[in-house]
Amino acid sequence: MSTMTVKRAELKPGEVLCSYCTARCCRYFALPIETPETWEDYDHMRWYVMHGSCAIFVDEDVWFLMVYGDCKYLLEDYRCGNYEDRPQICRTYTTDECEYDNDGTYDRLFETPEQIWEYAHAVLPPKKKKKKKKSATEVSHQKLPIVHI
């Protein structure tokens, strides 16, 4: 693997962009998730991020759960150690629009539960306070209505 940075447009015929990359596409995966709309949705996202090695990002109005982790077949030179038997998703992936020269910015990126909660507070209506349930002692001291027959 070369340590030289090459722009896509500078590739010579027959050269492969992957020869200049550190396998960004093999170091995480991202799954689309539903756009959060409620306090419960944001609370679930906080839970995801609390487990570490993941983040939530938004790109072009689509929300994603990003899970960090190198593919178990990624070699030290950033090549695939399972190339001949790699999954279909790897076979169909192309460098046409890969992240090689992507600046790594998203519309929104949440890496901590606190960031998610702060955003939820900014975009959602205030949480309704739950009515406190009365204890058995409080209930027994309440006066019951008088019923006339």
C-alpha atoms as a PDB file:
ATOM      1  CA  MET A   1       0.000   0.000   0.000  1.00  0.00           C
ATOM      2  CA  SER A   2       1.277   3.428  -0.930  1.00  0.00           C
ATOM      3  CA  THR A   3       1.436   6.234   1.631  1.00  0.00           C
ATOM      4  CA  MET A   4       1.113   8.795  -1.149  1.00  0.00           C
ATOM      5  CA  THR A   5      -2.178  10.705  -1.353  1.00  0.00           C
ATOM      6  CA  VAL A   6      -3.640  10.545  -4.835  1.00  0.00           C
ATOM      7  CA  LYS A   7      -6.802  12.229  -6.044  1.00  0.00           C
ATOM      8  CA  ARG A   8      -9.320  10.147  -7.976  1.00  0.00           C
ATOM      9  CA  ALA A   9      -8.771  12.171 -11.127  1.00  0.00           C
ATOM     10  CA  GLU A  10      -5.023  11.503 -10.954  1.00  0.00           C
ATOM     11  CA  LEU A  11      -5.347   7.706 -11.125  1.00  0.00           C
ATOM     12  CA  LYS A  12      -3.577   6.184 -14.084  1.00  0.00           C
ATOM     13  CA  PRO A  13      -5.465   3.679 -16.271  1.00  0.00           C
ATOM     14  CA  GLY A  14      -5.563   0.305 -14.522  1.00  0.00           C
ATOM     15  CA  GLU A  15      -4.688   1.779 -11.115  1.00  0.00           C
ATOM     16  CA  VAL A  16      -6.996   0.924  -8.228  1.00  0.00           C
ATOM     17  CA  LEU A  17      -8.019   3.608  -5.742  1.00  0.00           C
ATOM     18  CA  CYS A  18      -7.931   1.040  -2.920  1.00  0.00           C
ATOM     19  CA  SER A  19      -4.139   0.914  -3.279  1.00  0.00           C
ATOM     20  CA  TYR A  20      -4.003   4.405  -1.752  1.00  0.00           C
ATOM     21  CA  CYS A  21      -6.631   3.963   0.963  1.00  0.00           C
ATOM     22  CA  THR A  22      -6.629   2.792   4.586  1.00  0.00           C
ATOM     23  CA  ALA A  23      -9.804   0.752   4.027  1.00  0.00           C
ATOM     24  CA  ARG A  24     -12.254   3.233   5.488  1.00  0.00           C
ATOM     25  CA  CYS A  25     -15.127   1.139   4.118  1.00  0.00           C
ATOM     26  CA  CYS A  26     -13.919  -1.897   6.108  1.00  0.00           C
ATOM     27  CA  ARG A  27     -13.705  -0.128   9.490  1.00  0.00           C
ATOM     28  CA  TYR A  28     -17.395   0.374  10.249  1.00  0.00           C
ATOM     29  CA  PHE A  29     -20.850  -0.277   8.925  1.00  0.00           C
ATOM     30  CA  ALA A  30     -23.908   1.961   9.010  1.00  0.00           C
ATOM     31  CA  LEU A  31     -27.551   0.969   8.999  1.00  0.00           C
ATOM     32  CA  PRO A  32     -30.424   3.356   8.298  1.00  0.00           C
ATOM     33  CA  ILE A  33     -32.753   3.885  11.246  1.00  0.00           C
ATOM     34  CA  GLU A  34     -36.130   5.563  11.474  1.00  0.00           C
ATOM     35  CA  THR A  35     -36.122   9.318  11.881  1.00  0.00           C
ATOM     36  CA  PRO A  36     -36.659  10.002  15.584  1.00  0.00           C
ATOM     37  CA  GLU A  37     -39.879  11.831  16.407  1.00  0.00           C
ATOM     38  CA  THR A  38     -40.485  11.224  20.104  1.00  0.00           C
ATOM     39  CA  TRP A  39     -38.656  11.371  23.408  1.00  0.00           C
ATOM     40  CA  GLU A  40     -38.701   7.574  23.421  1.00  0.00           C
ATOM     41  CA  ASP A  41     -37.005   7.457  19.979  1.00  0.00           C
ATOM     42  CA  TYR A  42     -34.199   9.729  21.186  1.00  0.00           C
ATOM     43  CA  ASP A  43     -33.905   7.742  24.401  1.00  0.00           C
ATOM     44  CA  HIS A  44     -33.377   4.573  22.343  1.00  0.00           C
ATOM     45  CA  MET A  45     -30.634   6.314  20.367  1.00  0.00           C
ATOM     46  CA  ARG A  46     -28.980   7.353  23.635  1.00  0.00           C
ATOM     47  CA  TRP A  47     -29.039   3.687  24.629  1.00  0.00           C
ATOM     48  CA  TYR A  48     -27.311   2.647  21.384  1.00  0.00           C
ATOM     49  CA  VAL A  49     -24.484   5.140  21.881  1.00  0.00           C
ATOM     50  CA  MET A  50     -24.075   4.179  25.546  1.00  0.00           C
ATOM     51  CA  HIS A  51     -22.815   0.816  24.351  1.00  0.00           C
ATOM     52  CA  GLY A  52     -19.710   2.410  22.810  1.00  0.00           C
ATOM     53  CA  SER A  53     -18.079   1.897  19.439  1.00  0.00           C
ATOM     54  CA  CYS A  54     -20.993   3.494  17.634  1.00  0.00           C
ATOM     55  CA  ALA A  55     -22.461   6.846  16.677  1.00  0.00           C
ATOM     56  CA  ILE A  56     -25.578   8.235  15.047  1.00  0.00           C
ATOM     57  CA  PHE A  57     -25.297  10.416  11.965  1.00  0.00           C
ATOM     58  CA  VAL A  58     -27.671  12.130   9.563  1.00  0.00           C
ATOM     59  CA  ASP A  59     -26.799  12.480   5.910  1.00  0.00           C
ATOM     60  CA  GLU A  60     -29.257  14.023   3.441  1.00  0.00           C
ATOM     61  CA  ASP A  61     -32.115  13.672   5.967  1.00  0.00           C
ATOM     62  CA  VAL A  62     -31.506   9.932   6.486  1.00  0.00           C
ATOM     63  CA  TRP A  63     -30.569   8.797  10.016  1.00  0.00           C
ATOM     64  CA  PHE A  64     -27.965   6.048  10.470  1.00  0.00           C
ATOM     65  CA  LEU A  65     -26.571   3.945  13.269  1.00  0.00           C
ATOM     66  CA  MET A  66     -22.833   3.682  12.621  1.00  0.00           C
ATOM     67  CA  VAL A  67     -21.041   0.757  14.290  1.00  0.00           C
ATOM     68  CA  TYR A  68     -17.260   1.042  14.444  1.00  0.00           C
ATOM     69  CA  GLY A  69     -15.210  -2.089  14.067  1.00  0.00           C
ATOM     70  CA  ASP A  70     -12.657  -3.403  11.630  1.00  0.00           C
ATOM     71  CA  CYS A  71     -13.684  -6.307   9.455  1.00  0.00           C
ATOM     72  CA  LYS A  72     -12.097  -9.448  10.880  1.00  0.00           C
ATOM     73  CA  TYR A  73     -10.491 -10.141   7.477  1.00  0.00           C
ATOM     74  CA  LEU A  74      -8.809  -6.728   7.097  1.00  0.00           C
ATOM     75  CA  LEU A  75      -5.058  -7.277   6.734  1.00  0.00           C
ATOM     76  CA  GLU A  76      -2.321  -4.988   8.087  1.00  0.00           C
ATOM     77  CA  ASP A  77      -1.703  -3.629   4.578  1.00  0.00           C
ATOM     78  CA  TYR A  78      -5.449  -2.751   4.335  1.00  0.00           C
ATOM     79  CA  ARG A  79      -6.229  -5.475   1.824  1.00  0.00           C
ATOM     80  CA  CYS A  80      -8.950  -8.094   2.229  1.00  0.00           C
ATOM     81  CA  GLY A  81      -7.824 -11.413   3.669  1.00  0.00           C
ATOM     82  CA  ASN A  82     -11.020 -13.056   2.417  1.00  0.00           C
ATOM     83  CA  TYR A  83     -11.167 -11.506  -1.058  1.00  0.00           C
ATOM     84  CA  GLU A  84     -12.155 -14.653  -2.981  1.00  0.00           C
ATOM     85  CA  ASP A  85     -14.953 -15.507  -0.536  1.00  0.00           C
ATOM     86  CA  ARG A  86     -16.073 -11.997   0.470  1.00  0.00           C
ATOM     87  CA  PRO A  87     -19.798 -11.232   0.934  1.00  0.00           C
ATOM     88  CA  GLN A  88     -21.878  -9.897  -1.943  1.00  0.00           C
ATOM     89  CA  ILE A  89     -22.087  -6.421  -0.397  1.00  0.00           C
ATOM     90  CA  CYS A  90     -18.278  -6.220  -0.677  1.00  0.00           C
ATOM     91  CA  ARG A  91     -18.321  -7.541  -4.249  1.00  0.00           C
ATOM     92  CA  THR A  92     -20.796  -4.927  -5.482  1.00  0.00           C
ATOM     93  CA  TYR A  93     -19.207  -2.011  -3.597  1.00  0.00           C
ATOM     94  CA  THR A  94     -17.306   0.276  -5.941  1.00  0.00           C
ATOM     95  CA  THR A  95     -14.886   3.141  -5.492  1.00  0.00           C
ATOM     96  CA  ASP A  96     -17.035   5.361  -7.733  1.00  0.00           C
ATOM     97  CA  GLU A  97     -18.528   7.140  -4.721  1.00  0.00           C
ATOM     98  CA  CYS A  98     -16.579   5.643  -1.828  1.00  0.00           C
ATOM     99  CA  GLU A  99     -15.286   7.644   1.110  1.00  0.00           C
ATOM    100  CA  TYR A 100     -11.665   7.774  -0.024  1.00  0.00           C
ATOM    101  CA  ASP A 101     -11.634  11.548  -0.432  1.00  0.00           C
ATOM    102  CA  ASN A 102     -14.700  12.268   1.689  1.00  0.00           C
ATOM    103  CA  ASP A 103     -14.120  14.908   4.337  1.00  0.00           C
ATOM    104  CA  GLY A 104     -15.966  12.818   6.943  1.00  0.00           C
ATOM    105  CA  THR A 105     -18.595  15.425   7.711  1.00  0.00           C
ATOM    106  CA  TYR A 106     -22.283  14.723   8.097  1.00  0.00           C
ATOM    107  CA  ASP A 107     -25.363  16.912   8.380  1.00  0.00           C
ATOM    108  CA  ARG A 108     -25.451  15.852  12.057  1.00  0.00           C
ATOM    109  CA  LEU A 109     -23.179  13.573  14.089  1.00  0.00           C
ATOM    110  CA  PHE A 110     -23.914  12.312  17.599  1.00  0.00           C
ATOM    111  CA  GLU A 111     -21.126  10.489  19.401  1.00  0.00           C
ATOM    112  CA  THR A 112     -22.355  10.740  22.999  1.00  0.00           C
ATOM    113  CA  PRO A 113     -25.702  10.229  24.731  1.00  0.00           C
ATOM    114  CA  GLU A 114     -25.475  13.803  26.002  1.00  0.00           C
ATOM    115  CA  GLN A 115     -25.311  15.173  22.439  1.00  0.00           C
ATOM    116  CA  ILE A 116     -28.417  13.195  21.485  1.00  0.00           C
ATOM    117  CA  TRP A 117     -30.349  14.361  24.540  1.00  0.00           C
ATOM    118  CA  GLU A 118     -29.318  17.988  23.997  1.00  0.00           C
ATOM    119  CA  TYR A 119     -30.540  17.791  20.391  1.00  0.00           C
ATOM    120  CA  ALA A 120     -33.819  16.179  21.514  1.00  0.00           C
ATOM    121  CA  HIS A 121     -34.377  19.045  23.946  1.00  0.00           C
ATOM    122  CA  ALA A 122     -33.808  21.521  21.117  1.00  0.00           C
ATOM    123  CA  VAL A 123     -36.215  19.962  18.602  1.00  0.00           C
ATOM    124  CA  LEU A 124     -38.987  18.331  20.660  1.00  0.00           C
ATOM    125  CA  PRO A 125     -41.714  19.950  22.740  1.00  0.00           C
ATOM    126  CA  PRO A 126     -41.000  19.864  26.483  1.00  0.00           C
ATOM    127  CA  LYS A 127     -41.479  16.495  28.115  1.00  0.00           C
ATOM    128  CA  LYS A 128     -44.734  16.154  29.998  1.00  0.00           C
ATOM    129  CA  LYS A 129     -44.143  15.464  33.637  1.00  0.00           C
ATOM    130  CA  LYS A 130     -45.588  12.184  34.805  1.00  0.00           C
ATOM    131  CA  LYS A 131     -48.136  12.439  37.552  1.00  0.00           C
ATOM    132  CA  LYS A 132     -46.713  11.058  40.735  1.00  0.00           C
ATOM    133  CA  LYS A 133     -48.618   7.994  41.926  1.00  0.00           C
ATOM    134  CA  LYS A 134     -49.956   8.384  45.415  1.00  0.00           C
ATOM    135  CA  SER A 135     -48.730   5.984  48.023  1.00  0.00           C
ATOM    136  CA  ALA A 136     -51.147   3.687  49.842  1.00  0.00           C
ATOM    137  CA  THR A 137     -50.822   5.879  52.937  1.00  0.00           C
ATOM    138  CA  GLU A 138     -51.742   9.021  51.010  1.00  0.00           C
ATOM    139  CA  VAL A 139     -54.743   7.270  49.455  1.00  0.00           C
ATOM    140  CA  SER A 140     -56.027   6.009  52.807  1.00  0.00           C
ATOM    141  CA  HIS A 141     -55.957   9.548  54.231  1.00  0.00           C
ATOM    142  CA  GLN A 142     -57.984  11.020  51.409  1.00  0.00           C
ATOM    143  CA  LYS A 143     -61.600  11.754  52.124  1.00  0.00           C
ATOM    144  CA  LEU A 144     -63.935   9.777  49.963  1.00  0.00           C
ATOM    145  CA  PRO A 145     -66.900  11.543  48.380  1.00  0.00           C
ATOM    146  CA  ILE A 146     -70.206  11.205  50.198  1.00  0.00           C
ATOM    147  CA  VAL A 147     -72.835   9.413  48.221  1.00  0.00           C
ATOM    148  CA  HIS A 148     -76.487  10.070  49.125  1.00  0.00           C
ATOM    149  CA  ILE A 149     -78.998   7.371  48.317  1.00  0.00           C
END
